[in-house]
Amino acid sequence: MKFCSKCGKEILDEAVVCPNCGCSVKNEIDANDAPSAGFSVLSFFFPIVGLILYLVYKDRSPMKAKSAGKWALIGFCVGIAVSVVWGLVIGSLLGSMFNSMLMF
């Protein structure tokens, strides 16, 4: 079930016109739908913003939403990988430092 964007009443998924207010409920897709480089970069560095952009644009601009969501996922995965590598490096350095302190 979906809802009318004008009156908010629940309507059938296959409805073209709202039975309550008579307005068209056809999905309006943006004619200028194209992936945005700015949104992609923003989504990569701040994945939560990419998720929000995806949720906002998924109905009106599906290509823009898909691009923002894809880069948010890539940014999240890269962030996890960098965190793991950073943790291993710091752990190794701290371990060698403590071992050298114990030898004295």
N, C-alpha and C. Protein backbone atom coordinates (compact mmCIF):
# COMPACT_ATOMS: atom_id res chain seq x y z
N MET A 1 0.85 -1.18 0.00
CA MET A 1 0.00 0.00 0.00
C MET A 1 0.89 1.24 0.00
N LYS A 2 0.42 2.27 -0.65
CA LYS A 2 1.14 3.54 -0.66
C LYS A 2 0.19 4.64 -0.22
N PHE A 3 0.70 5.83 -0.10
CA PHE A 3 -0.08 6.96 0.38
C PHE A 3 -0.10 8.08 -0.65
N CYS A 4 -1.19 8.80 -0.68
CA CYS A 4 -1.33 9.95 -1.58
C CYS A 4 -0.42 11.07 -1.07
N SER A 5 0.33 11.68 -1.99
CA SER A 5 1.24 12.75 -1.59
C SER A 5 0.49 14.05 -1.29
N LYS A 6 -0.74 14.17 -1.71
CA LYS A 6 -1.53 15.40 -1.48
C LYS A 6 -2.33 15.34 -0.19
N CYS A 7 -3.14 14.26 -0.02
CA CYS A 7 -4.02 14.19 1.15
C CYS A 7 -3.52 13.23 2.22
N GLY A 8 -2.59 12.34 1.89
CA GLY A 8 -2.02 11.43 2.86
C GLY A 8 -2.81 10.16 3.12
N LYS A 9 -3.91 9.97 2.41
CA LYS A 9 -4.73 8.77 2.60
C LYS A 9 -4.06 7.56 1.97
N GLU A 10 -4.29 6.39 2.53
CA GLU A 10 -3.74 5.15 2.00
C GLU A 10 -4.49 4.75 0.74
N ILE A 11 -3.73 4.37 -0.30
CA ILE A 11 -4.33 3.98 -1.57
C ILE A 11 -3.67 2.69 -2.06
N LEU A 12 -4.27 2.06 -3.04
CA LEU A 12 -3.72 0.84 -3.61
C LEU A 12 -2.44 1.15 -4.39
N ASP A 13 -1.55 0.15 -4.46
CA ASP A 13 -0.28 0.35 -5.17
C ASP A 13 -0.47 0.62 -6.65
N GLU A 14 -1.48 0.02 -7.27
CA GLU A 14 -1.68 0.20 -8.70
C GLU A 14 -2.58 1.39 -9.05
N ALA A 15 -2.98 2.16 -8.06
CA ALA A 15 -3.84 3.32 -8.31
C ALA A 15 -3.09 4.41 -9.05
N VAL A 16 -3.79 5.05 -9.98
CA VAL A 16 -3.23 6.16 -10.74
C VAL A 16 -3.76 7.48 -10.21
N VAL A 17 -4.97 7.46 -9.66
CA VAL A 17 -5.62 8.64 -9.11
C VAL A 17 -6.08 8.30 -7.69
N CYS A 18 -5.92 9.24 -6.78
CA CYS A 18 -6.36 9.05 -5.41
C CYS A 18 -7.89 9.07 -5.36
N PRO A 19 -8.53 8.03 -4.81
CA PRO A 19 -10.00 8.02 -4.73
C PRO A 19 -10.54 9.06 -3.75
N ASN A 20 -9.73 9.56 -2.85
CA ASN A 20 -10.19 10.52 -1.86
C ASN A 20 -10.18 11.95 -2.39
N CYS A 21 -9.05 12.38 -2.99
CA CYS A 21 -8.94 13.78 -3.43
C CYS A 21 -8.91 13.93 -4.94
N GLY A 22 -8.71 12.84 -5.68
CA GLY A 22 -8.73 12.89 -7.14
C GLY A 22 -7.42 13.32 -7.78
N CYS A 23 -6.38 13.51 -6.98
CA CYS A 23 -5.09 13.92 -7.54
C CYS A 23 -4.35 12.73 -8.12
N SER A 24 -3.51 13.01 -9.10
CA SER A 24 -2.69 11.97 -9.71
C SER A 24 -1.64 11.52 -8.70
N VAL A 25 -1.43 10.21 -8.59
CA VAL A 25 -0.46 9.67 -7.65
C VAL A 25 0.66 8.94 -8.38
N LYS A 26 0.77 9.20 -9.66
CA LYS A 26 1.81 8.59 -10.46
C LYS A 26 3.17 9.07 -9.94
N ASN A 27 4.15 8.15 -9.90
CA ASN A 27 5.50 8.53 -9.47
C ASN A 27 6.09 9.54 -10.43
N GLU A 28 6.54 10.64 -9.89
CA GLU A 28 7.14 11.69 -10.71
C GLU A 28 8.65 11.55 -10.62
N ILE A 29 9.27 11.12 -11.72
CA ILE A 29 10.72 10.95 -11.76
C ILE A 29 11.35 12.19 -12.37
N ASP A 30 12.41 12.66 -11.76
CA ASP A 30 13.12 13.85 -12.21
C ASP A 30 13.71 13.61 -13.60
N ALA A 31 13.46 14.53 -14.52
CA ALA A 31 13.96 14.40 -15.89
C ALA A 31 15.47 14.60 -15.95
N ASN A 32 16.04 15.32 -15.01
CA ASN A 32 17.47 15.58 -14.97
C ASN A 32 18.19 14.62 -14.03
N ASP A 33 17.72 13.39 -13.98
CA ASP A 33 18.29 12.40 -13.07
C ASP A 33 19.63 11.91 -13.61
N ALA A 34 20.70 12.26 -12.93
CA ALA A 34 22.04 11.81 -13.29
C ALA A 34 22.88 11.78 -12.01
N PRO A 35 23.82 10.86 -11.93
CA PRO A 35 24.68 10.83 -10.74
C PRO A 35 25.43 12.14 -10.56
N SER A 36 25.53 12.56 -9.34
CA SER A 36 26.20 13.82 -9.01
C SER A 36 27.57 13.53 -8.41
N ALA A 37 28.61 14.14 -8.97
CA ALA A 37 29.97 13.95 -8.46
C ALA A 37 30.09 14.48 -7.03
N GLY A 38 29.44 15.60 -6.76
CA GLY A 38 29.49 16.18 -5.41
C GLY A 38 28.86 15.27 -4.37
N PHE A 39 27.70 14.73 -4.70
CA PHE A 39 27.02 13.80 -3.79
C PHE A 39 27.84 12.54 -3.60
N SER A 40 28.52 12.09 -4.66
CA SER A 40 29.34 10.87 -4.58
C SER A 40 30.52 11.08 -3.62
N VAL A 41 31.20 12.20 -3.75
CA VAL A 41 32.33 12.49 -2.87
C VAL A 41 31.85 12.66 -1.44
N LEU A 42 30.78 13.37 -1.25
CA LEU A 42 30.23 13.59 0.08
C LEU A 42 29.81 12.26 0.71
N SER A 43 29.20 11.39 -0.09
CA SER A 43 28.76 10.08 0.39
C SER A 43 29.94 9.19 0.76
N PHE A 44 31.04 9.30 0.01
CA PHE A 44 32.22 8.49 0.30
C PHE A 44 32.84 8.87 1.64
N PHE A 45 33.00 10.16 1.88
CA PHE A 45 33.66 10.60 3.11
C PHE A 45 32.73 10.61 4.32
N PHE A 46 31.43 10.74 4.09
CA PHE A 46 30.44 10.73 5.18
C PHE A 46 29.31 9.77 4.79
N PRO A 47 29.50 8.46 5.02
CA PRO A 47 28.52 7.46 4.58
C PRO A 47 27.11 7.68 5.11
N ILE A 48 26.97 8.24 6.29
CA ILE A 48 25.62 8.47 6.82
C ILE A 48 24.89 9.50 5.97
N VAL A 49 25.61 10.48 5.44
CA VAL A 49 25.01 11.47 4.54
C VAL A 49 24.58 10.78 3.24
N GLY A 50 25.40 9.85 2.75
CA GLY A 50 25.05 9.09 1.55
C GLY A 50 23.78 8.27 1.75
N LEU A 51 23.63 7.68 2.93
CA LEU A 51 22.41 6.93 3.23
C LEU A 51 21.20 7.86 3.25
N ILE A 52 21.35 9.01 3.84
CA ILE A 52 20.25 9.98 3.87
C ILE A 52 19.90 10.45 2.46
N LEU A 53 20.92 10.74 1.65
CA LEU A 53 20.67 11.15 0.26
C LEU A 53 19.97 10.04 -0.52
N TYR A 54 20.38 8.80 -0.29
CA TYR A 54 19.73 7.68 -0.96
C TYR A 54 18.24 7.63 -0.60
N LEU A 55 17.94 7.73 0.69
CA LEU A 55 16.55 7.65 1.13
C LEU A 55 15.72 8.82 0.61
N VAL A 56 16.32 10.00 0.49
CA VAL A 56 15.60 11.18 0.02
C VAL A 56 15.31 11.09 -1.48
N TYR A 57 16.29 10.64 -2.27
CA TYR A 57 16.18 10.67 -3.72
C TYR A 57 15.73 9.37 -4.37
N LYS A 58 15.50 8.29 -3.61
CA LYS A 58 15.24 6.99 -4.22
C LYS A 58 13.98 6.94 -5.09
N ASP A 59 13.00 7.73 -4.81
CA ASP A 59 11.76 7.71 -5.62
C ASP A 59 11.80 8.71 -6.78
N ARG A 60 12.35 9.89 -6.54
CA ARG A 60 12.34 10.93 -7.57
C ARG A 60 13.50 10.84 -8.54
N SER A 61 14.68 10.50 -8.05
CA SER A 61 15.89 10.45 -8.87
C SER A 61 16.65 9.15 -8.58
N PRO A 62 16.20 8.04 -9.15
CA PRO A 62 16.81 6.75 -8.79
C PRO A 62 18.29 6.62 -9.15
N MET A 63 18.74 7.23 -10.24
CA MET A 63 20.16 7.13 -10.60
C MET A 63 21.03 7.91 -9.60
N LYS A 64 20.57 9.08 -9.21
CA LYS A 64 21.30 9.88 -8.23
C LYS A 64 21.32 9.16 -6.87
N ALA A 65 20.19 8.55 -6.51
CA ALA A 65 20.11 7.82 -5.25
C ALA A 65 21.02 6.61 -5.25
N LYS A 66 21.04 5.87 -6.36
CA LYS A 66 21.88 4.68 -6.45
C LYS A 66 23.35 5.06 -6.34
N SER A 67 23.75 6.13 -6.98
CA SER A 67 25.14 6.59 -6.92
C SER A 67 25.52 6.99 -5.50
N ALA A 68 24.67 7.73 -4.83
CA ALA A 68 24.96 8.15 -3.45
C ALA A 68 25.02 6.94 -2.53
N GLY A 69 24.11 6.00 -2.70
CA GLY A 69 24.12 4.79 -1.88
C GLY A 69 25.34 3.93 -2.12
N LYS A 70 25.73 3.80 -3.39
CA LYS A 70 26.90 2.99 -3.74
C LYS A 70 28.16 3.59 -3.12
N TRP A 71 28.35 4.89 -3.24
CA TRP A 71 29.55 5.51 -2.69
C TRP A 71 29.53 5.54 -1.17
N ALA A 72 28.34 5.58 -0.56
CA ALA A 72 28.27 5.50 0.90
C ALA A 72 28.72 4.11 1.35
N LEU A 73 28.30 3.08 0.64
CA LEU A 73 28.71 1.72 0.99
C LEU A 73 30.21 1.53 0.79
N ILE A 74 30.74 2.05 -0.30
CA ILE A 74 32.19 1.96 -0.55
C ILE A 74 32.95 2.72 0.54
N GLY A 75 32.50 3.91 0.88
CA GLY A 75 33.15 4.70 1.93
C GLY A 75 33.11 4.01 3.27
N PHE A 76 32.00 3.35 3.59
CA PHE A 76 31.88 2.62 4.84
C PHE A 76 32.86 1.46 4.89
N CYS A 77 32.94 0.70 3.79
CA CYS A 77 33.85 -0.45 3.73
C CYS A 77 35.30 -0.01 3.80
N VAL A 78 35.66 1.06 3.11
CA VAL A 78 37.02 1.57 3.17
C VAL A 78 37.34 2.07 4.58
N GLY A 79 36.39 2.70 5.22
CA GLY A 79 36.59 3.16 6.59
C GLY A 79 36.84 2.01 7.56
N ILE A 80 36.10 0.93 7.40
CA ILE A 80 36.31 -0.25 8.24
C ILE A 80 37.69 -0.84 7.99
N ALA A 81 38.07 -0.98 6.71
CA ALA A 81 39.37 -1.56 6.36
C ALA A 81 40.51 -0.70 6.90
N VAL A 82 40.41 0.61 6.76
CA VAL A 82 41.45 1.51 7.27
C VAL A 82 41.52 1.41 8.80
N SER A 83 40.39 1.30 9.46
CA SER A 83 40.38 1.18 10.92
C SER A 83 41.06 -0.10 11.38
N VAL A 84 40.80 -1.20 10.68
CA VAL A 84 41.42 -2.47 11.05
C VAL A 84 42.93 -2.40 10.84
N VAL A 85 43.37 -1.89 9.71
CA VAL A 85 44.81 -1.77 9.44
C VAL A 85 45.45 -0.84 10.46
N TRP A 86 44.82 0.27 10.75
CA TRP A 86 45.35 1.22 11.72
C TRP A 86 45.45 0.57 13.10
N GLY A 87 44.44 -0.19 13.48
CA GLY A 87 44.48 -0.90 14.76
C GLY A 87 45.60 -1.91 14.83
N LEU A 88 45.83 -2.64 13.74
CA LEU A 88 46.93 -3.60 13.71
C LEU A 88 48.29 -2.91 13.81
N VAL A 89 48.45 -1.80 13.12
CA VAL A 89 49.72 -1.06 13.17
C VAL A 89 49.97 -0.51 14.57
N ILE A 90 48.98 0.12 15.15
CA ILE A 90 49.14 0.69 16.50
C ILE A 90 49.36 -0.43 17.52
N GLY A 91 48.61 -1.53 17.38
CA GLY A 91 48.80 -2.65 18.29
C GLY A 91 50.19 -3.23 18.20
N SER A 92 50.70 -3.34 17.00
CA SER A 92 52.06 -3.85 16.80
C SER A 92 53.10 -2.91 17.41
N LEU A 93 52.93 -1.62 17.19
CA LEU A 93 53.88 -0.66 17.76
C LEU A 93 53.83 -0.65 19.28
N LEU A 94 52.63 -0.69 19.85
CA LEU A 94 52.52 -0.71 21.31
C LEU A 94 53.07 -2.01 21.88
N GLY A 95 52.83 -3.11 21.18
CA GLY A 95 53.36 -4.40 21.65
C GLY A 95 54.87 -4.42 21.66
N SER A 96 55.48 -3.91 20.61
CA SER A 96 56.94 -3.90 20.57
C SER A 96 57.50 -2.93 21.62
N MET A 97 56.80 -1.84 21.88
CA MET A 97 57.25 -0.88 22.88
C MET A 97 57.20 -1.51 24.29
N PHE A 98 56.11 -2.21 24.60
CA PHE A 98 56.01 -2.85 25.90
C PHE A 98 57.01 -3.98 26.05
N ASN A 99 57.27 -4.71 24.98
CA ASN A 99 58.26 -5.79 25.05
C ASN A 99 59.65 -5.23 25.33
N SER A 100 59.98 -4.12 24.70
CA SER A 100 61.28 -3.51 24.94
C SER A 100 61.38 -2.94 26.35
N MET A 101 60.28 -2.50 26.92
CA MET A 101 60.27 -2.00 28.30
C MET A 101 60.45 -3.13 29.29
N LEU A 102 59.93 -4.30 28.99
CA LEU A 102 60.03 -5.44 29.89
C LEU A 102 61.44 -6.03 29.90
N MET A 103 62.20 -5.78 28.86
CA MET A 103 63.54 -6.34 28.77
C MET A 103 64.51 -5.59 29.68
N PHE A 104 64.19 -4.40 30.12
CA PHE A 104 65.09 -3.63 30.98
C PHE A 104 65.07 -4.14 32.36
